[in-house]
């Protein structure tokens, strides 16, 4: 994901790559990103939604193409957290198409590229 954001020339990753943080998974990266507006600026994203949802239609204002979306299933789900870039029709992509069905209650975070907010 960071390579995609850098290639898209969002934020300051080209000048200031992330070398001061290590991420052990999607949830860890999301916690870092959501935890500090400076981290969001560094990667060129602005958080527009963070909360629980059962589907992407639960996100106020919707998920737009180009948004970076993190889905962390809650409770007894056997699904793993995923991160991807939203495409048309609520599809998520990250090295190919992801299964973006939430499949129950999930923590959903939506980040919009700063240049379109």
PDB file of N, CA and C in Angstrom:
ATOM      1  N   UNK A   1       0.824  -1.190   0.000  1.00  0.00           N
ATOM      2  CA  UNK A   1       0.000   0.000   0.000  1.00  0.00           C
ATOM      3  C   UNK A   1       0.868   1.254   0.000  1.00  0.00           C
ATOM      4  N   UNK A   2       1.907   1.248   0.810  1.00  0.00           N
ATOM      5  CA  UNK A   2       2.776   2.429   0.860  1.00  0.00           C
ATOM      6  C   UNK A   2       3.445   2.679  -0.487  1.00  0.00           C
ATOM      7  N   UNK A   3       3.819   1.628  -1.176  1.00  0.00           N
ATOM      8  CA  UNK A   3       4.418   1.800  -2.503  1.00  0.00           C
ATOM      9  C   UNK A   3       3.413   2.451  -3.452  1.00  0.00           C
ATOM     10  N   UNK A   4       2.157   2.001  -3.396  1.00  0.00           N
ATOM     11  CA  UNK A   4       1.114   2.593  -4.242  1.00  0.00           C
ATOM     12  C   UNK A   4       0.969   4.085  -3.942  1.00  0.00           C
ATOM     13  N   UNK A   5       0.904   4.446  -2.672  1.00  0.00           N
ATOM     14  CA  UNK A   5       0.737   5.852  -2.294  1.00  0.00           C
ATOM     15  C   UNK A   5       1.936   6.684  -2.741  1.00  0.00           C
ATOM     16  N   UNK A   6       3.117   6.132  -2.601  1.00  0.00           N
ATOM     17  CA  UNK A   6       4.314   6.837  -3.058  1.00  0.00           C
ATOM     18  C   UNK A   6       4.335   7.001  -4.562  1.00  0.00           C
ATOM     19  N   UNK A   7       3.990   5.922  -5.297  1.00  0.00           N
ATOM     20  CA  UNK A   7       3.942   5.993  -6.761  1.00  0.00           C
ATOM     21  C   UNK A   7       2.897   6.982  -7.247  1.00  0.00           C
ATOM     22  N   UNK A   8       1.807   7.120  -6.478  1.00  0.00           N
ATOM     23  CA  UNK A   8       0.744   8.062  -6.841  1.00  0.00           C
ATOM     24  C   UNK A   8       1.123   9.496  -6.468  1.00  0.00           C
ATOM     25  N   UNK A   9       2.304   9.653  -5.862  1.00  0.00           N
ATOM     26  CA  UNK A   9       2.827  10.952  -5.451  1.00  0.00           C
ATOM     27  C   UNK A   9       1.920  11.658  -4.441  1.00  0.00           C
ATOM     28  N   UNK A  10       1.320  10.869  -3.562  1.00  0.00           N
ATOM     29  CA  UNK A  10       0.514  11.431  -2.489  1.00  0.00           C
ATOM     30  C   UNK A  10       1.422  11.708  -1.296  1.00  0.00           C
ATOM     31  N   UNK A  11       1.115  12.740  -0.568  1.00  0.00           N
ATOM     32  CA  UNK A  11       1.856  13.052   0.643  1.00  0.00           C
ATOM     33  C   UNK A  11       3.325  13.339   0.389  1.00  0.00           C
ATOM     34  N   UNK A  12       4.122  12.996   1.389  1.00  0.00           N
ATOM     35  CA  UNK A  12       5.551  13.298   1.343  1.00  0.00           C
ATOM     36  C   UNK A  12       6.402  12.033   1.364  1.00  0.00           C
ATOM     37  N   UNK A  13       5.866  10.924   0.899  1.00  0.00           N
ATOM     38  CA  UNK A  13       6.616   9.670   0.959  1.00  0.00           C
ATOM     39  C   UNK A  13       7.862   9.694   0.087  1.00  0.00           C
ATOM     40  N   UNK A  14       7.806  10.406  -1.028  1.00  0.00           N
ATOM     41  CA  UNK A  14       8.974  10.483  -1.896  1.00  0.00           C
ATOM     42  C   UNK A  14      10.152  11.142  -1.212  1.00  0.00           C
ATOM     43  N   UNK A  15       9.874  12.196  -0.459  1.00  0.00           N
ATOM     44  CA  UNK A  15      10.940  12.930   0.233  1.00  0.00           C
ATOM     45  C   UNK A  15      11.237  12.354   1.618  1.00  0.00           C
ATOM     46  N   UNK A  16      10.221  11.788   2.256  1.00  0.00           N
ATOM     47  CA  UNK A  16      10.354  11.281   3.623  1.00  0.00           C
ATOM     48  C   UNK A  16       9.737   9.894   3.733  1.00  0.00           C
ATOM     49  N   UNK A  17      10.422   8.868   3.222  1.00  0.00           N
ATOM     50  CA  UNK A  17       9.867   7.516   3.322  1.00  0.00           C
ATOM     51  C   UNK A  17       9.701   7.092   4.779  1.00  0.00           C
ATOM     52  N   UNK A  18       8.819   6.175   5.004  1.00  0.00           N
ATOM     53  CA  UNK A  18       8.558   5.713   6.361  1.00  0.00           C
ATOM     54  C   UNK A  18       9.611   4.675   6.727  1.00  0.00           C
ATOM     55  N   UNK A  19      10.536   5.104   7.540  1.00  0.00           N
ATOM     56  CA  UNK A  19      11.583   4.207   8.022  1.00  0.00           C
ATOM     57  C   UNK A  19      11.578   4.143   9.543  1.00  0.00           C
ATOM     58  N   UNK A  20      10.750   4.989  10.168  1.00  0.00           N
ATOM     59  CA  UNK A  20      10.729   5.063  11.619  1.00  0.00           C
ATOM     60  C   UNK A  20       9.591   4.258  12.236  1.00  0.00           C
ATOM     61  N   UNK A  21       8.887   3.458  11.433  1.00  0.00           N
ATOM     62  CA  UNK A  21       7.785   2.656  11.953  1.00  0.00           C
ATOM     63  C   UNK A  21       7.794   1.294  11.279  1.00  0.00           C
ATOM     64  N   UNK A  22       7.422   0.283  12.018  1.00  0.00           N
ATOM     65  CA  UNK A  22       7.287  -1.077  11.498  1.00  0.00           C
ATOM     66  C   UNK A  22       5.849  -1.514  11.732  1.00  0.00           C
ATOM     67  N   UNK A  23       5.276  -2.127  10.735  1.00  0.00           N
ATOM     68  CA  UNK A  23       3.887  -2.557  10.822  1.00  0.00           C
ATOM     69  C   UNK A  23       3.830  -4.076  10.760  1.00  0.00           C
ATOM     70  N   UNK A  24       3.113  -4.662  11.692  1.00  0.00           N
ATOM     71  CA  UNK A  24       3.001  -6.113  11.764  1.00  0.00           C
ATOM     72  C   UNK A  24       1.715  -6.610  11.138  1.00  0.00           C
ATOM     73  N   UNK A  25       1.056  -5.755  10.401  1.00  0.00           N
ATOM     74  CA  UNK A  25      -0.168  -6.155   9.728  1.00  0.00           C
ATOM     75  C   UNK A  25      -1.042  -4.954   9.433  1.00  0.00           C
ATOM     76  N   UNK A  26      -2.180  -5.242   8.824  1.00  0.00           N
ATOM     77  CA  UNK A  26      -3.126  -4.202   8.414  1.00  0.00           C
ATOM     78  C   UNK A  26      -3.610  -3.385   9.608  1.00  0.00           C
ATOM     79  N   UNK A  27      -4.001  -4.054  10.689  1.00  0.00           N
ATOM     80  CA  UNK A  27      -4.531  -3.346  11.856  1.00  0.00           C
ATOM     81  C   UNK A  27      -3.471  -2.430  12.469  1.00  0.00           C
ATOM     82  N   UNK A  28      -2.231  -2.885  12.491  1.00  0.00           N
ATOM     83  CA  UNK A  28      -1.129  -2.088  13.034  1.00  0.00           C
ATOM     84  C   UNK A  28      -0.918  -0.818  12.200  1.00  0.00           C
ATOM     85  N   UNK A  29      -0.922  -0.973  10.871  1.00  0.00           N
ATOM     86  CA  UNK A  29      -0.787   0.186   9.991  1.00  0.00           C
ATOM     87  C   UNK A  29      -1.955   1.144  10.176  1.00  0.00           C
ATOM     88  N   UNK A  30      -3.176   0.612  10.280  1.00  0.00           N
ATOM     89  CA  UNK A  30      -4.351   1.464  10.463  1.00  0.00           C
ATOM     90  C   UNK A  30      -4.279   2.232  11.780  1.00  0.00           C
ATOM     91  N   UNK A  31      -3.818   1.581  12.843  1.00  0.00           N
ATOM     92  CA  UNK A  31      -3.675   2.269  14.134  1.00  0.00           C
ATOM     93  C   UNK A  31      -2.676   3.423  14.022  1.00  0.00           C
ATOM     94  N   UNK A  32      -1.563   3.190  13.320  1.00  0.00           N
ATOM     95  CA  UNK A  32      -0.558   4.240  13.124  1.00  0.00           C
ATOM     96  C   UNK A  32      -1.148   5.395  12.325  1.00  0.00           C
ATOM     97  N   UNK A  33      -1.860   5.059  11.267  1.00  0.00           N
ATOM     98  CA  UNK A  33      -2.427   6.076  10.387  1.00  0.00           C
ATOM     99  C   UNK A  33      -3.504   6.880  11.106  1.00  0.00           C
ATOM    100  N   UNK A  34      -4.411   6.205  11.792  1.00  0.00           N
ATOM    101  CA  UNK A  34      -5.514   6.877  12.479  1.00  0.00           C
ATOM    102  C   UNK A  34      -5.052   7.631  13.714  1.00  0.00           C
ATOM    103  N   UNK A  35      -3.917   7.235  14.261  1.00  0.00           N
ATOM    104  CA  UNK A  35      -3.465   7.802  15.526  1.00  0.00           C
ATOM    105  C   UNK A  35      -2.879   9.198  15.458  1.00  0.00           C
ATOM    106  N   UNK A  36      -2.591   9.700  14.255  1.00  0.00           N
ATOM    107  CA  UNK A  36      -1.913  10.993  14.168  1.00  0.00           C
ATOM    108  C   UNK A  36      -2.171  11.620  12.798  1.00  0.00           C
ATOM    109  N   UNK A  37      -2.714  12.828  12.794  1.00  0.00           N
ATOM    110  CA  UNK A  37      -2.986  13.532  11.530  1.00  0.00           C
ATOM    111  C   UNK A  37      -1.699  13.765  10.742  1.00  0.00           C
ATOM    112  N   UNK A  38      -0.559  13.895  11.434  1.00  0.00           N
ATOM    113  CA  UNK A  38       0.715  14.053  10.730  1.00  0.00           C
ATOM    114  C   UNK A  38       1.063  12.795   9.932  1.00  0.00           C
ATOM    115  N   UNK A  39       0.717  11.629  10.460  1.00  0.00           N
ATOM    116  CA  UNK A  39       0.949  10.394   9.725  1.00  0.00           C
ATOM    117  C   UNK A  39       0.088  10.349   8.462  1.00  0.00           C
ATOM    118  N   UNK A  40      -1.155  10.814   8.584  1.00  0.00           N
ATOM    119  CA  UNK A  40      -2.029  10.867   7.421  1.00  0.00           C
ATOM    120  C   UNK A  40      -1.469  11.827   6.374  1.00  0.00           C
ATOM    121  N   UNK A  41      -1.004  12.987   6.813  1.00  0.00           N
ATOM    122  CA  UNK A  41      -0.425  13.963   5.878  1.00  0.00           C
ATOM    123  C   UNK A  41       0.816  13.392   5.213  1.00  0.00           C
ATOM    124  N   UNK A  42       1.568  12.641   5.959  1.00  0.00           N
ATOM    125  CA  UNK A  42       2.797  12.062   5.425  1.00  0.00           C
ATOM    126  C   UNK A  42       2.521  11.125   4.253  1.00  0.00           C
ATOM    127  N   UNK A  43       1.398  10.398   4.308  1.00  0.00           N
ATOM    128  CA  UNK A  43       1.055   9.491   3.208  1.00  0.00           C
ATOM    129  C   UNK A  43       0.028  10.087   2.257  1.00  0.00           C
ATOM    130  N   UNK A  44      -0.420  11.323   2.526  1.00  0.00           N
ATOM    131  CA  UNK A  44      -1.319  12.017   1.603  1.00  0.00           C
ATOM    132  C   UNK A  44      -2.770  11.613   1.703  1.00  0.00           C
ATOM    133  N   UNK A  45      -3.197  11.185   2.888  1.00  0.00           N
ATOM    134  CA  UNK A  45      -4.580  10.761   3.089  1.00  0.00           C
ATOM    135  C   UNK A  45      -5.207  11.527   4.241  1.00  0.00           C
ATOM    136  N   UNK A  46      -6.532  11.634   4.199  1.00  0.00           N
ATOM    137  CA  UNK A  46      -7.296  12.238   5.289  1.00  0.00           C
ATOM    138  C   UNK A  46      -8.399  11.265   5.667  1.00  0.00           C
ATOM    139  N   UNK A  47      -8.487  10.957   6.959  1.00  0.00           N
ATOM    140  CA  UNK A  47      -9.533  10.053   7.421  1.00  0.00           C
ATOM    141  C   UNK A  47     -10.894  10.723   7.293  1.00  0.00           C
ATOM    142  N   UNK A  48     -11.815  10.075   6.582  1.00  0.00           N
ATOM    143  CA  UNK A  48     -13.157  10.624   6.424  1.00  0.00           C
ATOM    144  C   UNK A  48     -14.205   9.794   7.165  1.00  0.00           C
ATOM    145  N   UNK A  49     -13.820   8.594   7.598  1.00  0.00           N
ATOM    146  CA  UNK A  49     -14.741   7.776   8.383  1.00  0.00           C
ATOM    147  C   UNK A  49     -13.956   6.738   9.166  1.00  0.00           C
ATOM    148  N   UNK A  50     -14.356   6.554  10.405  1.00  0.00           N
ATOM    149  CA  UNK A  50     -13.844   5.464  11.233  1.00  0.00           C
ATOM    150  C   UNK A  50     -14.982   5.041  12.142  1.00  0.00           C
ATOM    151  N   UNK A  51     -15.402   3.815  12.009  1.00  0.00           N
ATOM    152  CA  UNK A  51     -16.488   3.323  12.834  1.00  0.00           C
ATOM    153  C   UNK A  51     -16.836   1.893  12.477  1.00  0.00           C
ATOM    154  N   UNK A  52     -17.954   1.435  12.987  1.00  0.00           N
ATOM    155  CA  UNK A  52     -18.384   0.080  12.687  1.00  0.00           C
ATOM    156  C   UNK A  52     -19.384   0.098  11.543  1.00  0.00           C
ATOM    157  N   UNK A  53     -19.364  -0.971  10.784  1.00  0.00           N
ATOM    158  CA  UNK A  53     -20.267  -1.076   9.634  1.00  0.00           C
ATOM    159  C   UNK A  53     -20.497  -2.543   9.317  1.00  0.00           C
ATOM    160  N   UNK A  54     -21.621  -2.805   8.676  1.00  0.00           N
ATOM    161  CA  UNK A  54     -21.917  -4.156   8.181  1.00  0.00           C
ATOM    162  C   UNK A  54     -21.698  -4.235   6.667  1.00  0.00           C
ATOM    163  N   UNK A  55     -21.829  -3.077   6.007  1.00  0.00           N
ATOM    164  CA  UNK A  55     -21.580  -2.978   4.566  1.00  0.00           C
ATOM    165  C   UNK A  55     -20.993  -1.602   4.294  1.00  0.00           C
ATOM    166  N   UNK A  56     -20.441  -1.411   3.102  1.00  0.00           N
ATOM    167  CA  UNK A  56     -19.905  -0.099   2.747  1.00  0.00           C
ATOM    168  C   UNK A  56     -21.002   0.952   2.656  1.00  0.00           C
ATOM    169  N   UNK A  57     -22.249   0.532   2.446  1.00  0.00           N
ATOM    170  CA  UNK A  57     -23.332   1.511   2.396  1.00  0.00           C
ATOM    171  C   UNK A  57     -23.622   2.108   3.774  1.00  0.00           C
ATOM    172  N   UNK A  58     -23.094   1.514   4.840  1.00  0.00           N
ATOM    173  CA  UNK A  58     -23.229   2.082   6.187  1.00  0.00           C
ATOM    174  C   UNK A  58     -22.307   3.284   6.402  1.00  0.00           C
ATOM    175  N   UNK A  59     -21.352   3.493   5.518  1.00  0.00           N
ATOM    176  CA  UNK A  59     -20.398   4.599   5.658  1.00  0.00           C
ATOM    177  C   UNK A  59     -21.079   5.887   5.195  1.00  0.00           C
ATOM    178  N   UNK A  60     -21.254   6.868   6.100  1.00  0.00           N
ATOM    179  CA  UNK A  60     -21.886   8.129   5.698  1.00  0.00           C
ATOM    180  C   UNK A  60     -21.123   8.782   4.544  1.00  0.00           C
ATOM    181  N   UNK A  61     -21.840   9.150   3.513  1.00  0.00           N
ATOM    182  CA  UNK A  61     -21.213   9.762   2.344  1.00  0.00           C
ATOM    183  C   UNK A  61     -20.659   8.745   1.374  1.00  0.00           C
ATOM    184  N   UNK A  62     -20.619   7.492   1.784  1.00  0.00           N
ATOM    185  CA  UNK A  62     -20.193   6.427   0.901  1.00  0.00           C
ATOM    186  C   UNK A  62     -18.691   6.297   0.771  1.00  0.00           C
ATOM    187  N   UNK A  63     -18.289   5.232   0.114  1.00  0.00           N
ATOM    188  CA  UNK A  63     -16.892   4.977  -0.215  1.00  0.00           C
ATOM    189  C   UNK A  63     -16.721   5.360  -1.675  1.00  0.00           C
ATOM    190  N   UNK A  64     -15.770   6.222  -1.978  1.00  0.00           N
ATOM    191  CA  UNK A  64     -15.547   6.716  -3.336  1.00  0.00           C
ATOM    192  C   UNK A  64     -14.378   5.984  -3.985  1.00  0.00           C
ATOM    193  N   UNK A  65     -14.402   5.913  -5.288  1.00  0.00           N
ATOM    194  CA  UNK A  65     -13.262   5.353  -6.016  1.00  0.00           C
ATOM    195  C   UNK A  65     -12.007   6.133  -5.647  1.00  0.00           C
ATOM    196  N   UNK A  66     -10.939   5.420  -5.356  1.00  0.00           N
ATOM    197  CA  UNK A  66      -9.678   6.046  -4.954  1.00  0.00           C
ATOM    198  C   UNK A  66      -9.473   6.115  -3.457  1.00  0.00           C
ATOM    199  N   UNK A  67     -10.542   5.901  -2.678  1.00  0.00           N
ATOM    200  CA  UNK A  67     -10.391   5.884  -1.224  1.00  0.00           C
ATOM    201  C   UNK A  67      -9.563   4.677  -0.802  1.00  0.00           C
ATOM    202  N   UNK A  68      -8.801   4.841   0.251  1.00  0.00           N
ATOM    203  CA  UNK A  68      -8.098   3.722   0.877  1.00  0.00           C
ATOM    204  C   UNK A  68      -9.004   3.247   2.009  1.00  0.00           C
ATOM    205  N   UNK A  69      -9.341   1.964   1.976  1.00  0.00           N
ATOM    206  CA  UNK A  69     -10.306   1.401   2.919  1.00  0.00           C
ATOM    207  C   UNK A  69      -9.656   0.274   3.709  1.00  0.00           C
ATOM    208  N   UNK A  70      -9.850   0.319   5.025  1.00  0.00           N
ATOM    209  CA  UNK A  70      -9.370  -0.740   5.910  1.00  0.00           C
ATOM    210  C   UNK A  70     -10.593  -1.392   6.543  1.00  0.00           C
ATOM    211  N   UNK A  71     -10.666  -2.712   6.450  1.00  0.00           N
ATOM    212  CA  UNK A  71     -11.760  -3.478   7.051  1.00  0.00           C
ATOM    213  C   UNK A  71     -11.144  -4.446   8.055  1.00  0.00           C
ATOM    214  N   UNK A  72     -11.535  -4.294   9.334  1.00  0.00           N
ATOM    215  CA  UNK A  72     -11.070  -5.178  10.388  1.00  0.00           C
ATOM    216  C   UNK A  72     -12.284  -5.888  10.983  1.00  0.00           C
ATOM    217  N   UNK A  73     -12.527  -7.142  10.599  1.00  0.00           N
ATOM    218  CA  UNK A  73     -13.686  -7.874  11.116  1.00  0.00           C
ATOM    219  C   UNK A  73     -13.664  -7.941  12.642  1.00  0.00           C
ATOM    220  N   UNK A  74     -14.851  -7.855  13.241  1.00  0.00           N
ATOM    221  CA  UNK A  74     -14.984  -7.900  14.694  1.00  0.00           C
ATOM    222  C   UNK A  74     -15.608  -9.225  15.136  1.00  0.00           C
ATOM    223  N   UNK A  75     -15.603  -9.430  16.404  1.00  0.00           N
ATOM    224  CA  UNK A  75     -16.205 -10.586  17.070  1.00  0.00           C
ATOM    225  C   UNK A  75     -15.577 -11.893  16.627  1.00  0.00           C
ATOM    226  N   UNK A  76     -16.374 -12.831  16.184  1.00  0.00           N
ATOM    227  CA  UNK A  76     -15.890 -14.188  15.941  1.00  0.00           C
ATOM    228  C   UNK A  76     -15.643 -14.473  14.473  1.00  0.00           C
ATOM    229  N   UNK A  77     -15.318 -13.475  13.722  1.00  0.00           N
ATOM    230  CA  UNK A  77     -15.104 -13.650  12.295  1.00  0.00           C
ATOM    231  C   UNK A  77     -13.819 -14.433  12.033  1.00  0.00           C
ATOM    232  N   UNK A  78     -13.863 -15.270  11.012  1.00  0.00           N
ATOM    233  CA  UNK A  78     -12.659 -15.991  10.611  1.00  0.00           C
ATOM    234  C   UNK A  78     -11.915 -15.238   9.507  1.00  0.00           C
ATOM    235  N   UNK A  79     -12.391 -14.042   9.187  1.00  0.00           N
ATOM    236  CA  UNK A  79     -11.780 -13.240   8.125  1.00  0.00           C
ATOM    237  C   UNK A  79     -10.652 -12.392   8.702  1.00  0.00           C
ATOM    238  N   UNK A  80      -9.644 -12.143   7.887  1.00  0.00           N
ATOM    239  CA  UNK A  80      -8.496 -11.335   8.275  1.00  0.00           C
ATOM    240  C   UNK A  80      -8.742  -9.875   7.869  1.00  0.00           C
ATOM    241  N   UNK A  81      -8.104  -8.916   8.555  1.00  0.00           N
ATOM    242  CA  UNK A  81      -8.194  -7.513   8.133  1.00  0.00           C
ATOM    243  C   UNK A  81      -7.647  -7.350   6.713  1.00  0.00           C
ATOM    244  N   UNK A  82      -8.255  -6.436   5.962  1.00  0.00           N
ATOM    245  CA  UNK A  82      -7.783  -6.145   4.608  1.00  0.00           C
ATOM    246  C   UNK A  82      -7.671  -4.637   4.430  1.00  0.00           C
ATOM    247  N   UNK A  83      -6.789  -4.248   3.521  1.00  0.00           N
ATOM    248  CA  UNK A  83      -6.645  -2.852   3.130  1.00  0.00           C
ATOM    249  C   UNK A  83      -6.590  -2.830   1.611  1.00  0.00           C
ATOM    250  N   UNK A  84      -7.281  -1.856   1.037  1.00  0.00           N
ATOM    251  CA  UNK A  84      -7.272  -1.756  -0.411  1.00  0.00           C
ATOM    252  C   UNK A  84      -7.715  -0.386  -0.878  1.00  0.00           C
ATOM    253  N   UNK A  85      -7.580  -0.189  -2.164  1.00  0.00           N
ATOM    254  CA  UNK A  85      -8.027   1.043  -2.807  1.00  0.00           C
ATOM    255  C   UNK A  85      -9.373   0.740  -3.448  1.00  0.00           C
ATOM    256  N   UNK A  86     -10.353   1.595  -3.158  1.00  0.00           N
ATOM    257  CA  UNK A  86     -11.702   1.374  -3.682  1.00  0.00           C
ATOM    258  C   UNK A  86     -11.761   1.670  -5.172  1.00  0.00           C
ATOM    259  N   UNK A  87     -12.435   0.792  -5.870  1.00  0.00           N
ATOM    260  CA  UNK A  87     -12.725   0.989  -7.285  1.00  0.00           C
ATOM    261  C   UNK A  87     -14.220   1.134  -7.460  1.00  0.00           C
ATOM    262  N   UNK A  88     -14.698   0.967  -8.656  1.00  0.00           N
ATOM    263  CA  UNK A  88     -16.131   1.077  -8.929  1.00  0.00           C
ATOM    264  C   UNK A  88     -16.899  -0.043  -8.234  1.00  0.00           C
ATOM    265  N   UNK A  89     -18.117   0.267  -7.826  1.00  0.00           N
ATOM    266  CA  UNK A  89     -19.008  -0.736  -7.262  1.00  0.00           C
ATOM    267  C   UNK A  89     -18.565  -1.321  -5.940  1.00  0.00           C
ATOM    268  N   UNK A  90     -17.787  -0.590  -5.159  1.00  0.00           N
ATOM    269  CA  UNK A  90     -17.371  -1.082  -3.854  1.00  0.00           C
ATOM    270  C   UNK A  90     -16.316  -2.164  -3.896  1.00  0.00           C
ATOM    271  N   UNK A  91     -15.664  -2.326  -5.025  1.00  0.00           N
ATOM    272  CA  UNK A  91     -14.571  -3.300  -5.122  1.00  0.00           C
ATOM    273  C   UNK A  91     -13.309  -2.721  -4.507  1.00  0.00           C
ATOM    274  N   UNK A  92     -12.519  -3.570  -3.860  1.00  0.00           N
ATOM    275  CA  UNK A  92     -11.246  -3.158  -3.281  1.00  0.00           C
ATOM    276  C   UNK A  92     -10.121  -3.875  -4.004  1.00  0.00           C
ATOM    277  N   UNK A  93      -9.044  -3.130  -4.244  1.00  0.00           N
ATOM    278  CA  UNK A  93      -7.890  -3.670  -4.952  1.00  0.00           C
ATOM    279  C   UNK A  93      -6.627  -3.465  -4.132  1.00  0.00           C
ATOM    280  N   UNK A  94      -5.787  -4.481  -4.113  1.00  0.00           N
ATOM    281  CA  UNK A  94      -4.462  -4.412  -3.520  1.00  0.00           C
ATOM    282  C   UNK A  94      -3.695  -5.574  -4.127  1.00  0.00           C
ATOM    283  N   UNK A  95      -2.902  -5.318  -5.136  1.00  0.00           N
ATOM    284  CA  UNK A  95      -2.243  -6.386  -5.900  1.00  0.00           C
ATOM    285  C   UNK A  95      -3.299  -7.308  -6.491  1.00  0.00           C
ATOM    286  N   UNK A  96      -4.385  -6.742  -6.986  1.00  0.00           N
ATOM    287  CA  UNK A  96      -5.490  -7.510  -7.542  1.00  0.00           C
ATOM    288  C   UNK A  96      -6.757  -7.278  -6.736  1.00  0.00           C
ATOM    289  N   UNK A  97      -7.830  -7.875  -7.194  1.00  0.00           N
ATOM    290  CA  UNK A  97      -9.140  -7.720  -6.555  1.00  0.00           C
ATOM    291  C   UNK A  97      -9.161  -8.453  -5.217  1.00  0.00           C
ATOM    292  N   UNK A  98      -9.684  -7.773  -4.183  1.00  0.00           N
ATOM    293  CA  UNK A  98      -9.843  -8.364  -2.855  1.00  0.00           C
ATOM    294  C   UNK A  98     -11.298  -8.754  -2.643  1.00  0.00           C
ATOM    295  N   UNK A  99     -11.510  -9.719  -1.788  1.00  0.00           N
ATOM    296  CA  UNK A  99     -12.865 -10.034  -1.340  1.00  0.00           C
ATOM    297  C   UNK A  99     -13.216  -8.992  -0.288  1.00  0.00           C
ATOM    298  N   UNK A 100     -13.994  -7.998  -0.683  1.00  0.00           N
ATOM    299  CA  UNK A 100     -14.281  -6.861   0.201  1.00  0.00           C
ATOM    300  C   UNK A 100     -15.576  -7.020   0.982  1.00  0.00           C
ATOM    301  N   UNK A 101     -16.210  -8.177   0.900  1.00  0.00           N
ATOM    302  CA  UNK A 101     -17.416  -8.375   1.699  1.00  0.00           C
ATOM    303  C   UNK A 101     -17.050  -8.301   3.171  1.00  0.00           C
ATOM    304  N   UNK A 102     -17.787  -7.524   3.901  1.00  0.00           N
ATOM    305  CA  UNK A 102     -17.470  -7.351   5.306  1.00  0.00           C
ATOM    306  C   UNK A 102     -17.843  -8.610   6.088  1.00  0.00           C
ATOM    307  N   UNK A 103     -18.953  -9.238   5.778  1.00  0.00           N
ATOM    308  CA  UNK A 103     -19.308 -10.503   6.403  1.00  0.00           C
ATOM    309  C   UNK A 103     -19.622 -10.399   7.880  1.00  0.00           C
ATOM    310  N   UNK A 104     -20.321  -9.380   8.295  1.00  0.00           N
ATOM    311  CA  UNK A 104     -20.646  -9.165   9.701  1.00  0.00           C
ATOM    312  C   UNK A 104     -20.154  -7.802  10.141  1.00  0.00           C
ATOM    313  N   UNK A 105     -20.241  -7.554  11.400  1.00  0.00           N
ATOM    314  CA  UNK A 105     -19.830  -6.266  11.940  1.00  0.00           C
ATOM    315  C   UNK A 105     -18.307  -6.128  11.854  1.00  0.00           C
ATOM    316  N   UNK A 106     -17.850  -4.960  11.384  1.00  0.00           N
ATOM    317  CA  UNK A 106     -16.413  -4.720  11.232  1.00  0.00           C
ATOM    318  C   UNK A 106     -16.084  -3.278  11.578  1.00  0.00           C
ATOM    319  N   UNK A 107     -14.845  -3.076  11.980  1.00  0.00           N
ATOM    320  CA  UNK A 107     -14.294  -1.732  12.125  1.00  0.00           C
ATOM    321  C   UNK A 107     -13.849  -1.331  10.725  1.00  0.00           C
ATOM    322  N   UNK A 108     -14.382  -0.215  10.244  1.00  0.00           N
ATOM    323  CA  UNK A 108     -14.068   0.249   8.892  1.00  0.00           C
ATOM    324  C   UNK A 108     -13.473   1.653   8.997  1.00  0.00           C
ATOM    325  N   UNK A 109     -12.350   1.843   8.324  1.00  0.00           N
ATOM    326  CA  UNK A 109     -11.728   3.166   8.229  1.00  0.00           C
ATOM    327  C   UNK A 109     -11.606   3.518   6.762  1.00  0.00           C
ATOM    328  N   UNK A 110     -11.987   4.742   6.447  1.00  0.00           N
ATOM    329  CA  UNK A 110     -11.922   5.218   5.061  1.00  0.00           C
ATOM    330  C   UNK A 110     -11.055   6.462   5.035  1.00  0.00           C
ATOM    331  N   UNK A 111     -10.046   6.441   4.169  1.00  0.00           N
ATOM    332  CA  UNK A 111      -9.126   7.560   4.001  1.00  0.00           C
ATOM    333  C   UNK A 111      -9.218   8.029   2.555  1.00  0.00           C
ATOM    334  N   UNK A 112      -9.343   9.331   2.376  1.00  0.00           N
ATOM    335  CA  UNK A 112      -9.444   9.918   1.040  1.00  0.00           C
ATOM    336  C   UNK A 112      -8.136  10.613   0.703  1.00  0.00           C
ATOM    337  N   UNK A 113      -7.686  10.458  -0.537  1.00  0.00           N
ATOM    338  CA  UNK A 113      -6.488  11.198  -0.950  1.00  0.00           C
ATOM    339  C   UNK A 113      -6.685  12.694  -0.683  1.00  0.00           C
ATOM    340  N   UNK A 114      -5.684  13.318  -0.079  1.00  0.00           N
ATOM    341  CA  UNK A 114      -5.795  14.715   0.334  1.00  0.00           C
ATOM    342  C   UNK A 114      -6.064  15.651  -0.816  1.00  0.00           C
ATOM    343  N   UNK A 115      -5.652  15.301  -2.017  1.00  0.00           N
ATOM    344  CA  UNK A 115      -5.853  16.192  -3.149  1.00  0.00           C
ATOM    345  C   UNK A 115      -7.302  16.258  -3.603  1.00  0.00           C
ATOM    346  N   UNK A 116      -8.160  15.322  -3.139  1.00  0.00           N
ATOM    347  CA  UNK A 116      -9.565  15.355  -3.553  1.00  0.00           C
ATOM    348  C   UNK A 116     -10.509  15.730  -2.430  1.00  0.00           C
ATOM    349  N   UNK A 117     -10.012  15.988  -1.259  1.00  0.00           N
ATOM    350  CA  UNK A 117     -10.901  16.317  -0.134  1.00  0.00           C
ATOM    351  C   UNK A 117     -11.265  17.776  -0.202  1.00  0.00           C
TER     352      UNK A 117
END
